PDB file of N, CA and C in Angstrom:
ATOM      1  N   UNK A   1      22.324  -4.041 -22.967  1.00  0.00           N
ATOM      2  CA  UNK A   1      23.172  -3.114 -22.250  1.00  0.00           C
ATOM      3  C   UNK A   1      22.816  -3.176 -20.769  1.00  0.00           C
ATOM      4  N   UNK A   2      23.823  -3.312 -19.903  1.00  0.00           N
ATOM      5  CA  UNK A   2      23.543  -3.356 -18.473  1.00  0.00           C
ATOM      6  C   UNK A   2      22.962  -2.035 -17.979  1.00  0.00           C
ATOM      7  N   UNK A   3      22.116  -2.117 -16.988  1.00  0.00           N
ATOM      8  CA  UNK A   3      21.543  -0.902 -16.403  1.00  0.00           C
ATOM      9  C   UNK A   3      21.977  -0.852 -14.947  1.00  0.00           C
ATOM     10  N   UNK A   4      23.225  -0.436 -14.717  1.00  0.00           N
ATOM     11  CA  UNK A   4      23.801  -0.506 -13.381  1.00  0.00           C
ATOM     12  C   UNK A   4      23.322   0.596 -12.464  1.00  0.00           C
ATOM     13  N   UNK A   5      22.803   1.677 -12.990  1.00  0.00           N
ATOM     14  CA  UNK A   5      22.393   2.786 -12.127  1.00  0.00           C
ATOM     15  C   UNK A   5      21.247   2.401 -11.200  1.00  0.00           C
ATOM     16  N   UNK A   6      20.482   1.388 -11.579  1.00  0.00           N
ATOM     17  CA  UNK A   6      19.348   0.965 -10.766  1.00  0.00           C
ATOM     18  C   UNK A   6      19.768   0.009  -9.651  1.00  0.00           C
ATOM     19  N   UNK A   7      20.999  -0.450  -9.678  1.00  0.00           N
ATOM     20  CA  UNK A   7      21.465  -1.412  -8.692  1.00  0.00           C
ATOM     21  C   UNK A   7      21.881  -0.722  -7.400  1.00  0.00           C
ATOM     22  N   UNK A   8      22.110  -1.535  -6.401  1.00  0.00           N
ATOM     23  CA  UNK A   8      22.574  -1.038  -5.116  1.00  0.00           C
ATOM     24  C   UNK A   8      24.067  -0.783  -5.109  1.00  0.00           C
ATOM     25  N   UNK A   9      24.811  -1.594  -4.441  1.00  0.00           N
ATOM     26  CA  UNK A   9      26.239  -1.416  -4.191  1.00  0.00           C
ATOM     27  C   UNK A   9      27.068  -1.412  -5.466  1.00  0.00           C
ATOM     28  N   UNK A  10      27.210  -0.248  -6.080  1.00  0.00           N
ATOM     29  CA  UNK A  10      27.995  -0.119  -7.309  1.00  0.00           C
ATOM     30  C   UNK A  10      29.465   0.024  -6.944  1.00  0.00           C
ATOM     31  N   UNK A  11      30.290  -0.715  -7.663  1.00  0.00           N
ATOM     32  CA  UNK A  11      31.726  -0.719  -7.412  1.00  0.00           C
ATOM     33  C   UNK A  11      32.445  -0.571  -8.745  1.00  0.00           C
ATOM     34  N   UNK A  12      33.584   0.131  -8.739  1.00  0.00           N
ATOM     35  CA  UNK A  12      34.420   0.244  -9.932  1.00  0.00           C
ATOM     36  C   UNK A  12      35.856  -0.058  -9.522  1.00  0.00           C
ATOM     37  N   UNK A  13      36.523  -0.851 -10.341  1.00  0.00           N
ATOM     38  CA  UNK A  13      37.921  -1.180 -10.086  1.00  0.00           C
ATOM     39  C   UNK A  13      38.745  -0.928 -11.337  1.00  0.00           C
ATOM     40  N   UNK A  14      40.011  -0.606 -11.101  1.00  0.00           N
ATOM     41  CA  UNK A  14      41.009  -0.585 -12.173  1.00  0.00           C
ATOM     42  C   UNK A  14      41.936  -1.764 -11.895  1.00  0.00           C
ATOM     43  N   UNK A  15      42.109  -2.601 -12.912  1.00  0.00           N
ATOM     44  CA  UNK A  15      42.900  -3.815 -12.785  1.00  0.00           C
ATOM     45  C   UNK A  15      44.063  -3.729 -13.765  1.00  0.00           C
ATOM     46  N   UNK A  16      45.273  -3.964 -13.274  1.00  0.00           N
ATOM     47  CA  UNK A  16      46.453  -4.025 -14.132  1.00  0.00           C
ATOM     48  C   UNK A  16      47.015  -5.433 -14.028  1.00  0.00           C
ATOM     49  N   UNK A  17      47.073  -6.115 -15.175  1.00  0.00           N
ATOM     50  CA  UNK A  17      47.479  -7.509 -15.214  1.00  0.00           C
ATOM     51  C   UNK A  17      48.826  -7.608 -15.910  1.00  0.00           C
ATOM     52  N   UNK A  18      49.773  -8.297 -15.262  1.00  0.00           N
ATOM     53  CA  UNK A  18      51.116  -8.487 -15.809  1.00  0.00           C
ATOM     54  C   UNK A  18      51.369  -9.964 -16.053  1.00  0.00           C
ATOM     55  N   UNK A  19      52.263 -10.229 -16.981  1.00  0.00           N
ATOM     56  CA  UNK A  19      52.637 -11.596 -17.314  1.00  0.00           C
ATOM     57  C   UNK A  19      52.551 -11.791 -18.814  1.00  0.00           C
ATOM     58  N   UNK A  20      52.214 -12.998 -19.216  1.00  0.00           N
ATOM     59  CA  UNK A  20      51.986 -13.273 -20.642  1.00  0.00           C
ATOM     60  C   UNK A  20      50.519 -12.962 -20.916  1.00  0.00           C
ATOM     61  N   UNK A  21      50.248 -11.665 -21.171  1.00  0.00           N
ATOM     62  CA  UNK A  21      48.863 -11.213 -21.271  1.00  0.00           C
ATOM     63  C   UNK A  21      48.565 -10.469 -22.571  1.00  0.00           C
ATOM     64  N   UNK A  22      49.564 -10.276 -23.407  1.00  0.00           N
ATOM     65  CA  UNK A  22      49.310  -9.682 -24.724  1.00  0.00           C
ATOM     66  C   UNK A  22      49.587 -10.728 -25.794  1.00  0.00           C
ATOM     67  N   UNK A  23      48.774 -10.696 -26.845  1.00  0.00           N
ATOM     68  CA  UNK A  23      48.919 -11.668 -27.922  1.00  0.00           C
ATOM     69  C   UNK A  23      48.301 -13.021 -27.600  1.00  0.00           C
ATOM     70  N   UNK A  24      47.500 -13.076 -26.540  1.00  0.00           N
ATOM     71  CA  UNK A  24      46.885 -14.340 -26.127  1.00  0.00           C
ATOM     72  C   UNK A  24      45.367 -14.224 -25.985  1.00  0.00           C
ATOM     73  N   UNK A  25      44.789 -13.137 -26.499  1.00  0.00           N
ATOM     74  CA  UNK A  25      43.344 -12.951 -26.435  1.00  0.00           C
ATOM     75  C   UNK A  25      42.837 -12.420 -25.107  1.00  0.00           C
ATOM     76  N   UNK A  26      43.718 -11.831 -24.306  1.00  0.00           N
ATOM     77  CA  UNK A  26      43.311 -11.371 -22.975  1.00  0.00           C
ATOM     78  C   UNK A  26      42.267 -10.264 -23.037  1.00  0.00           C
ATOM     79  N   UNK A  27      42.396  -9.333 -23.973  1.00  0.00           N
ATOM     80  CA  UNK A  27      41.411  -8.247 -24.058  1.00  0.00           C
ATOM     81  C   UNK A  27      40.031  -8.789 -24.423  1.00  0.00           C
ATOM     82  N   UNK A  28      39.981  -9.740 -25.340  1.00  0.00           N
ATOM     83  CA  UNK A  28      38.699 -10.307 -25.749  1.00  0.00           C
ATOM     84  C   UNK A  28      38.087 -11.128 -24.611  1.00  0.00           C
ATOM     85  N   UNK A  29      38.932 -11.870 -23.913  1.00  0.00           N
ATOM     86  CA  UNK A  29      38.492 -12.610 -22.725  1.00  0.00           C
ATOM     87  C   UNK A  29      37.905 -11.650 -21.690  1.00  0.00           C
ATOM     88  N   UNK A  30      38.601 -10.538 -21.459  1.00  0.00           N
ATOM     89  CA  UNK A  30      38.160  -9.545 -20.475  1.00  0.00           C
ATOM     90  C   UNK A  30      36.820  -8.943 -20.872  1.00  0.00           C
ATOM     91  N   UNK A  31      36.693  -8.587 -22.142  1.00  0.00           N
ATOM     92  CA  UNK A  31      35.431  -8.019 -22.620  1.00  0.00           C
ATOM     93  C   UNK A  31      34.284  -9.020 -22.447  1.00  0.00           C
ATOM     94  N   UNK A  32      34.517 -10.268 -22.821  1.00  0.00           N
ATOM     95  CA  UNK A  32      33.477 -11.298 -22.684  1.00  0.00           C
ATOM     96  C   UNK A  32      33.076 -11.505 -21.221  1.00  0.00           C
ATOM     97  N   UNK A  33      34.065 -11.537 -20.331  1.00  0.00           N
ATOM     98  CA  UNK A  33      33.761 -11.704 -18.905  1.00  0.00           C
ATOM     99  C   UNK A  33      32.959 -10.522 -18.379  1.00  0.00           C
ATOM    100  N   UNK A  34      33.364  -9.316 -18.752  1.00  0.00           N
ATOM    101  CA  UNK A  34      32.622  -8.129 -18.331  1.00  0.00           C
ATOM    102  C   UNK A  34      31.186  -8.169 -18.806  1.00  0.00           C
ATOM    103  N   UNK A  35      30.988  -8.513 -20.074  1.00  0.00           N
ATOM    104  CA  UNK A  35      29.630  -8.598 -20.626  1.00  0.00           C
ATOM    105  C   UNK A  35      28.830  -9.710 -19.957  1.00  0.00           C
ATOM    106  N   UNK A  36      29.454 -10.862 -19.756  1.00  0.00           N
ATOM    107  CA  UNK A  36      28.775 -12.006 -19.131  1.00  0.00           C
ATOM    108  C   UNK A  36      28.289 -11.653 -17.726  1.00  0.00           C
ATOM    109  N   UNK A  37      29.064 -10.837 -17.026  1.00  0.00           N
ATOM    110  CA  UNK A  37      28.730 -10.462 -15.651  1.00  0.00           C
ATOM    111  C   UNK A  37      27.852  -9.216 -15.566  1.00  0.00           C
ATOM    112  N   UNK A  38      27.502  -8.646 -16.722  1.00  0.00           N
ATOM    113  CA  UNK A  38      26.635  -7.469 -16.729  1.00  0.00           C
ATOM    114  C   UNK A  38      27.332  -6.187 -16.318  1.00  0.00           C
ATOM    115  N   UNK A  39      28.640  -6.118 -16.538  1.00  0.00           N
ATOM    116  CA  UNK A  39      29.425  -4.948 -16.154  1.00  0.00           C
ATOM    117  C   UNK A  39      29.625  -4.012 -17.334  1.00  0.00           C
ATOM    118  N   UNK A  40      30.029  -2.800 -17.032  1.00  0.00           N
ATOM    119  CA  UNK A  40      30.456  -1.847 -18.049  1.00  0.00           C
ATOM    120  C   UNK A  40      31.897  -1.470 -17.745  1.00  0.00           C
ATOM    121  N   UNK A  41      32.594  -0.975 -18.771  1.00  0.00           N
ATOM    122  CA  UNK A  41      33.978  -0.566 -18.578  1.00  0.00           C
ATOM    123  C   UNK A  41      34.758  -0.689 -19.861  1.00  0.00           C
ATOM    124  N   UNK A  42      36.053  -0.929 -19.714  1.00  0.00           N
ATOM    125  CA  UNK A  42      36.930  -1.017 -20.877  1.00  0.00           C
ATOM    126  C   UNK A  42      38.169  -1.832 -20.536  1.00  0.00           C
ATOM    127  N   UNK A  43      38.885  -2.238 -21.583  1.00  0.00           N
ATOM    128  CA  UNK A  43      40.151  -2.942 -21.442  1.00  0.00           C
ATOM    129  C   UNK A  43      41.069  -2.485 -22.564  1.00  0.00           C
ATOM    130  N   UNK A  44      42.372  -2.412 -22.267  1.00  0.00           N
ATOM    131  CA  UNK A  44      43.348  -2.009 -23.283  1.00  0.00           C
ATOM    132  C   UNK A  44      44.707  -2.625 -22.974  1.00  0.00           C
ATOM    133  N   UNK A  45      45.536  -2.741 -24.021  1.00  0.00           N
ATOM    134  CA  UNK A  45      46.931  -3.117 -23.860  1.00  0.00           C
ATOM    135  C   UNK A  45      47.724  -1.883 -23.464  1.00  0.00           C
ATOM    136  N   UNK A  46      48.731  -2.071 -22.626  1.00  0.00           N
ATOM    137  CA  UNK A  46      49.652  -0.997 -22.279  1.00  0.00           C
ATOM    138  C   UNK A  46      50.969  -1.210 -23.010  1.00  0.00           C
ATOM    139  N   UNK A  47      51.702  -0.143 -23.219  1.00  0.00           N
ATOM    140  CA  UNK A  47      52.951  -0.222 -23.985  1.00  0.00           C
ATOM    141  C   UNK A  47      54.020  -1.056 -23.277  1.00  0.00           C
ATOM    142  N   UNK A  48      53.900  -1.266 -21.979  1.00  0.00           N
ATOM    143  CA  UNK A  48      54.899  -2.053 -21.243  1.00  0.00           C
ATOM    144  C   UNK A  48      54.603  -3.555 -21.258  1.00  0.00           C
ATOM    145  N   UNK A  49      53.555  -3.969 -21.980  1.00  0.00           N
ATOM    146  CA  UNK A  49      53.207  -5.382 -22.075  1.00  0.00           C
ATOM    147  C   UNK A  49      52.106  -5.829 -21.134  1.00  0.00           C
ATOM    148  N   UNK A  50      51.669  -4.946 -20.247  1.00  0.00           N
ATOM    149  CA  UNK A  50      50.567  -5.261 -19.339  1.00  0.00           C
ATOM    150  C   UNK A  50      49.230  -5.027 -20.030  1.00  0.00           C
ATOM    151  N   UNK A  51      48.168  -5.460 -19.383  1.00  0.00           N
ATOM    152  CA  UNK A  51      46.798  -5.166 -19.797  1.00  0.00           C
ATOM    153  C   UNK A  51      46.141  -4.414 -18.643  1.00  0.00           C
ATOM    154  N   UNK A  52      45.378  -3.379 -18.990  1.00  0.00           N
ATOM    155  CA  UNK A  52      44.668  -2.595 -17.975  1.00  0.00           C
ATOM    156  C   UNK A  52      43.183  -2.606 -18.296  1.00  0.00           C
ATOM    157  N   UNK A  53      42.367  -2.708 -17.259  1.00  0.00           N
ATOM    158  CA  UNK A  53      40.918  -2.707 -17.438  1.00  0.00           C
ATOM    159  C   UNK A  53      40.269  -1.953 -16.293  1.00  0.00           C
ATOM    160  N   UNK A  54      39.112  -1.378 -16.587  1.00  0.00           N
ATOM    161  CA  UNK A  54      38.239  -0.839 -15.551  1.00  0.00           C
ATOM    162  C   UNK A  54      36.888  -1.508 -15.722  1.00  0.00           C
ATOM    163  N   UNK A  55      36.297  -1.889 -14.600  1.00  0.00           N
ATOM    164  CA  UNK A  55      34.991  -2.545 -14.619  1.00  0.00           C
ATOM    165  C   UNK A  55      34.115  -1.940 -13.537  1.00  0.00           C
ATOM    166  N   UNK A  56      32.840  -1.734 -13.873  1.00  0.00           N
ATOM    167  CA  UNK A  56      31.894  -1.114 -12.949  1.00  0.00           C
ATOM    168  C   UNK A  56      30.573  -1.868 -12.973  1.00  0.00           C
ATOM    169  N   UNK A  57      30.010  -2.037 -11.803  1.00  0.00           N
ATOM    170  CA  UNK A  57      28.716  -2.688 -11.691  1.00  0.00           C
ATOM    171  C   UNK A  57      28.465  -3.153 -10.279  1.00  0.00           C
ATOM    172  N   UNK A  58      27.571  -4.120 -10.153  1.00  0.00           N
ATOM    173  CA  UNK A  58      27.238  -4.690  -8.859  1.00  0.00           C
ATOM    174  C   UNK A  58      28.497  -5.240  -8.185  1.00  0.00           C
ATOM    175  N   UNK A  59      28.636  -4.983  -6.902  1.00  0.00           N
ATOM    176  CA  UNK A  59      29.848  -5.353  -6.167  1.00  0.00           C
ATOM    177  C   UNK A  59      30.214  -6.829  -6.322  1.00  0.00           C
ATOM    178  N   UNK A  60      29.251  -7.720  -6.189  1.00  0.00           N
ATOM    179  CA  UNK A  60      29.531  -9.154  -6.299  1.00  0.00           C
ATOM    180  C   UNK A  60      30.004  -9.517  -7.701  1.00  0.00           C
ATOM    181  N   UNK A  61      29.426  -8.892  -8.720  1.00  0.00           N
ATOM    182  CA  UNK A  61      29.827  -9.171 -10.099  1.00  0.00           C
ATOM    183  C   UNK A  61      31.230  -8.630 -10.374  1.00  0.00           C
ATOM    184  N   UNK A  62      31.551  -7.467  -9.833  1.00  0.00           N
ATOM    185  CA  UNK A  62      32.904  -6.912  -9.995  1.00  0.00           C
ATOM    186  C   UNK A  62      33.919  -7.831  -9.320  1.00  0.00           C
ATOM    187  N   UNK A  63      33.588  -8.348  -8.150  1.00  0.00           N
ATOM    188  CA  UNK A  63      34.491  -9.280  -7.469  1.00  0.00           C
ATOM    189  C   UNK A  63      34.710 -10.539  -8.302  1.00  0.00           C
ATOM    190  N   UNK A  64      33.664 -11.043  -8.948  1.00  0.00           N
ATOM    191  CA  UNK A  64      33.795 -12.212  -9.825  1.00  0.00           C
ATOM    192  C   UNK A  64      34.670 -11.877 -11.031  1.00  0.00           C
ATOM    193  N   UNK A  65      34.537 -10.665 -11.553  1.00  0.00           N
ATOM    194  CA  UNK A  65      35.365 -10.200 -12.669  1.00  0.00           C
ATOM    195  C   UNK A  65      36.839 -10.207 -12.266  1.00  0.00           C
ATOM    196  N   UNK A  66      37.135  -9.690 -11.087  1.00  0.00           N
ATOM    197  CA  UNK A  66      38.521  -9.651 -10.598  1.00  0.00           C
ATOM    198  C   UNK A  66      39.093 -11.062 -10.521  1.00  0.00           C
ATOM    199  N   UNK A  67      38.319 -12.008 -10.027  1.00  0.00           N
ATOM    200  CA  UNK A  67      38.795 -13.393  -9.962  1.00  0.00           C
ATOM    201  C   UNK A  67      39.086 -13.941 -11.360  1.00  0.00           C
ATOM    202  N   UNK A  68      38.255 -13.603 -12.330  1.00  0.00           N
ATOM    203  CA  UNK A  68      38.494 -14.040 -13.708  1.00  0.00           C
ATOM    204  C   UNK A  68      39.779 -13.431 -14.250  1.00  0.00           C
ATOM    205  N   UNK A  69      40.068 -12.181 -13.897  1.00  0.00           N
ATOM    206  CA  UNK A  69      41.296 -11.525 -14.359  1.00  0.00           C
ATOM    207  C   UNK A  69      42.521 -12.194 -13.750  1.00  0.00           C
ATOM    208  N   UNK A  70      42.403 -12.662 -12.541  1.00  0.00           N
ATOM    209  CA  UNK A  70      43.529 -13.358 -11.893  1.00  0.00           C
ATOM    210  C   UNK A  70      43.835 -14.684 -12.595  1.00  0.00           C
ATOM    211  N   UNK A  71      42.819 -15.309 -13.176  1.00  0.00           N
ATOM    212  CA  UNK A  71      43.001 -16.572 -13.910  1.00  0.00           C
ATOM    213  C   UNK A  71      43.441 -16.314 -15.342  1.00  0.00           C
ATOM    214  N   UNK A  72      42.725 -15.421 -16.028  1.00  0.00           N
ATOM    215  CA  UNK A  72      42.999 -15.138 -17.432  1.00  0.00           C
ATOM    216  C   UNK A  72      42.531 -16.262 -18.337  1.00  0.00           C
ATOM    217  N   UNK A  73      42.639 -16.055 -19.653  1.00  0.00           N
ATOM    218  CA  UNK A  73      42.288 -17.114 -20.603  1.00  0.00           C
ATOM    219  C   UNK A  73      43.324 -18.240 -20.546  1.00  0.00           C
ATOM    220  N   UNK A  74      42.991 -19.410 -21.077  1.00  0.00           N
ATOM    221  CA  UNK A  74      43.863 -20.582 -20.940  1.00  0.00           C
ATOM    222  C   UNK A  74      45.304 -20.394 -21.408  1.00  0.00           C
ATOM    223  N   UNK A  75      45.547 -19.656 -22.478  1.00  0.00           N
ATOM    224  CA  UNK A  75      46.913 -19.543 -22.999  1.00  0.00           C
ATOM    225  C   UNK A  75      47.705 -18.410 -22.359  1.00  0.00           C
ATOM    226  N   UNK A  76      47.097 -17.666 -21.468  1.00  0.00           N
ATOM    227  CA  UNK A  76      47.816 -16.583 -20.791  1.00  0.00           C
ATOM    228  C   UNK A  76      48.547 -17.128 -19.566  1.00  0.00           C
ATOM    229  N   UNK A  77      49.399 -16.283 -19.003  1.00  0.00           N
ATOM    230  CA  UNK A  77      50.055 -16.609 -17.732  1.00  0.00           C
ATOM    231  C   UNK A  77      50.093 -15.339 -16.900  1.00  0.00           C
ATOM    232  N   UNK A  78      49.194 -15.220 -15.959  1.00  0.00           N
ATOM    233  CA  UNK A  78      49.109 -14.032 -15.112  1.00  0.00           C
ATOM    234  C   UNK A  78      50.139 -14.157 -13.997  1.00  0.00           C
ATOM    235  N   UNK A  79      51.061 -13.175 -13.951  1.00  0.00           N
ATOM    236  CA  UNK A  79      52.068 -13.146 -12.897  1.00  0.00           C
ATOM    237  C   UNK A  79      51.676 -12.209 -11.763  1.00  0.00           C
ATOM    238  N   UNK A  80      50.957 -11.148 -12.098  1.00  0.00           N
ATOM    239  CA  UNK A  80      50.542 -10.177 -11.085  1.00  0.00           C
ATOM    240  C   UNK A  80      49.234  -9.543 -11.529  1.00  0.00           C
ATOM    241  N   UNK A  81      48.392  -9.248 -10.573  1.00  0.00           N
ATOM    242  CA  UNK A  81      47.106  -8.612 -10.848  1.00  0.00           C
ATOM    243  C   UNK A  81      46.880  -7.570  -9.762  1.00  0.00           C
ATOM    244  N   UNK A  82      47.091  -6.302 -10.122  1.00  0.00           N
ATOM    245  CA  UNK A  82      46.915  -5.217  -9.157  1.00  0.00           C
ATOM    246  C   UNK A  82      45.500  -4.667  -9.276  1.00  0.00           C
ATOM    247  N   UNK A  83      44.826  -4.568  -8.150  1.00  0.00           N
ATOM    248  CA  UNK A  83      43.433  -4.125  -8.104  1.00  0.00           C
ATOM    249  C   UNK A  83      43.361  -2.835  -7.302  1.00  0.00           C
ATOM    250  N   UNK A  84      42.756  -1.815  -7.889  1.00  0.00           N
ATOM    251  CA  UNK A  84      42.523  -0.554  -7.186  1.00  0.00           C
ATOM    252  C   UNK A  84      41.058  -0.194  -7.321  1.00  0.00           C
ATOM    253  N   UNK A  85      40.388  -0.007  -6.182  1.00  0.00           N
ATOM    254  CA  UNK A  85      39.003   0.453  -6.227  1.00  0.00           C
ATOM    255  C   UNK A  85      39.016   1.956  -6.474  1.00  0.00           C
ATOM    256  N   UNK A  86      38.209   2.397  -7.436  1.00  0.00           N
ATOM    257  CA  UNK A  86      38.139   3.806  -7.806  1.00  0.00           C
ATOM    258  C   UNK A  86      36.675   4.234  -7.803  1.00  0.00           C
ATOM    259  N   UNK A  87      36.407   5.539  -7.794  1.00  0.00           N
ATOM    260  CA  UNK A  87      35.005   5.984  -7.782  1.00  0.00           C
ATOM    261  C   UNK A  87      34.263   5.559  -9.052  1.00  0.00           C
ATOM    262  N   UNK A  88      33.026   5.133  -8.881  1.00  0.00           N
ATOM    263  CA  UNK A  88      32.173   4.820 -10.034  1.00  0.00           C
ATOM    264  C   UNK A  88      31.937   6.101 -10.817  1.00  0.00           C
ATOM    265  N   UNK A  89      31.951   5.992 -12.153  1.00  0.00           N
ATOM    266  CA  UNK A  89      31.742   7.212 -12.948  1.00  0.00           C
ATOM    267  C   UNK A  89      30.411   7.221 -13.690  1.00  0.00           C
ATOM    268  N   UNK A  90      29.739   6.092 -13.791  1.00  0.00           N
ATOM    269  CA  UNK A  90      28.406   6.006 -14.412  1.00  0.00           C
ATOM    270  C   UNK A  90      28.383   6.536 -15.850  1.00  0.00           C
ATOM    271  N   UNK A  91      29.529   6.548 -16.539  1.00  0.00           N
ATOM    272  CA  UNK A  91      29.570   7.050 -17.920  1.00  0.00           C
ATOM    273  C   UNK A  91      29.597   5.939 -18.951  1.00  0.00           C
ATOM    274  N   UNK A  92      30.199   4.819 -18.610  1.00  0.00           N
ATOM    275  CA  UNK A  92      30.289   3.723 -19.575  1.00  0.00           C
ATOM    276  C   UNK A  92      28.914   3.097 -19.770  1.00  0.00           C
ATOM    277  N   UNK A  93      28.646   2.673 -21.005  1.00  0.00           N
ATOM    278  CA  UNK A  93      27.358   2.039 -21.310  1.00  0.00           C
ATOM    279  C   UNK A  93      27.531   0.621 -21.847  1.00  0.00           C
ATOM    280  N   UNK A  94      28.777   0.194 -22.018  1.00  0.00           N
ATOM    281  CA  UNK A  94      29.081  -1.141 -22.526  1.00  0.00           C
ATOM    282  C   UNK A  94      30.453  -1.523 -21.984  1.00  0.00           C
ATOM    283  N   UNK A  95      30.922  -2.706 -22.344  1.00  0.00           N
ATOM    284  CA  UNK A  95      32.287  -3.103 -21.990  1.00  0.00           C
ATOM    285  C   UNK A  95      33.081  -3.147 -23.289  1.00  0.00           C
ATOM    286  N   UNK A  96      34.000  -2.201 -23.444  1.00  0.00           N
ATOM    287  CA  UNK A  96      34.688  -1.991 -24.715  1.00  0.00           C
ATOM    288  C   UNK A  96      36.164  -2.350 -24.657  1.00  0.00           C
ATOM    289  N   UNK A  97      36.690  -2.734 -25.805  1.00  0.00           N
ATOM    290  CA  UNK A  97      38.134  -2.811 -26.005  1.00  0.00           C
ATOM    291  C   UNK A  97      38.543  -1.457 -26.555  1.00  0.00           C
ATOM    292  N   UNK A  98      39.480  -0.800 -25.885  1.00  0.00           N
ATOM    293  CA  UNK A  98      39.904   0.529 -26.324  1.00  0.00           C
ATOM    294  C   UNK A  98      41.340   0.483 -26.821  1.00  0.00           C
ATOM    295  N   UNK A  99      41.685   1.487 -27.575  1.00  0.00           N
ATOM    296  CA  UNK A  99      43.008   1.556 -28.195  1.00  0.00           C
ATOM    297  C   UNK A  99      43.642   2.910 -27.940  1.00  0.00           C
ATOM    298  N   UNK A 100      43.459   3.472 -26.751  1.00  0.00           N
ATOM    299  CA  UNK A 100      44.043   4.782 -26.442  1.00  0.00           C
ATOM    300  C   UNK A 100      45.160   4.654 -25.457  1.00  0.00           C
TER     301      UNK A 100
END
């Protein structure tokens, strides 16, 4: 489990990805990237066909996560990736796929 509270520049972003992003493993890709980068947060499908994620951790790692979201997994096709920086909440303890 990442221990982000001990780090310096903590950053949290909400990312909304549009395109061919559902039914192509995008949530699992997102979770793996978040875990690989030592981030915490969540990812979910939206009813309009987009995918939404929040990621929190070291600023450089969050920036790398955003770049991965812009690429997506090989079978996806990202048409738009909206990034909003939001306040860190320090509540997440893992990177989860959610269904809410």
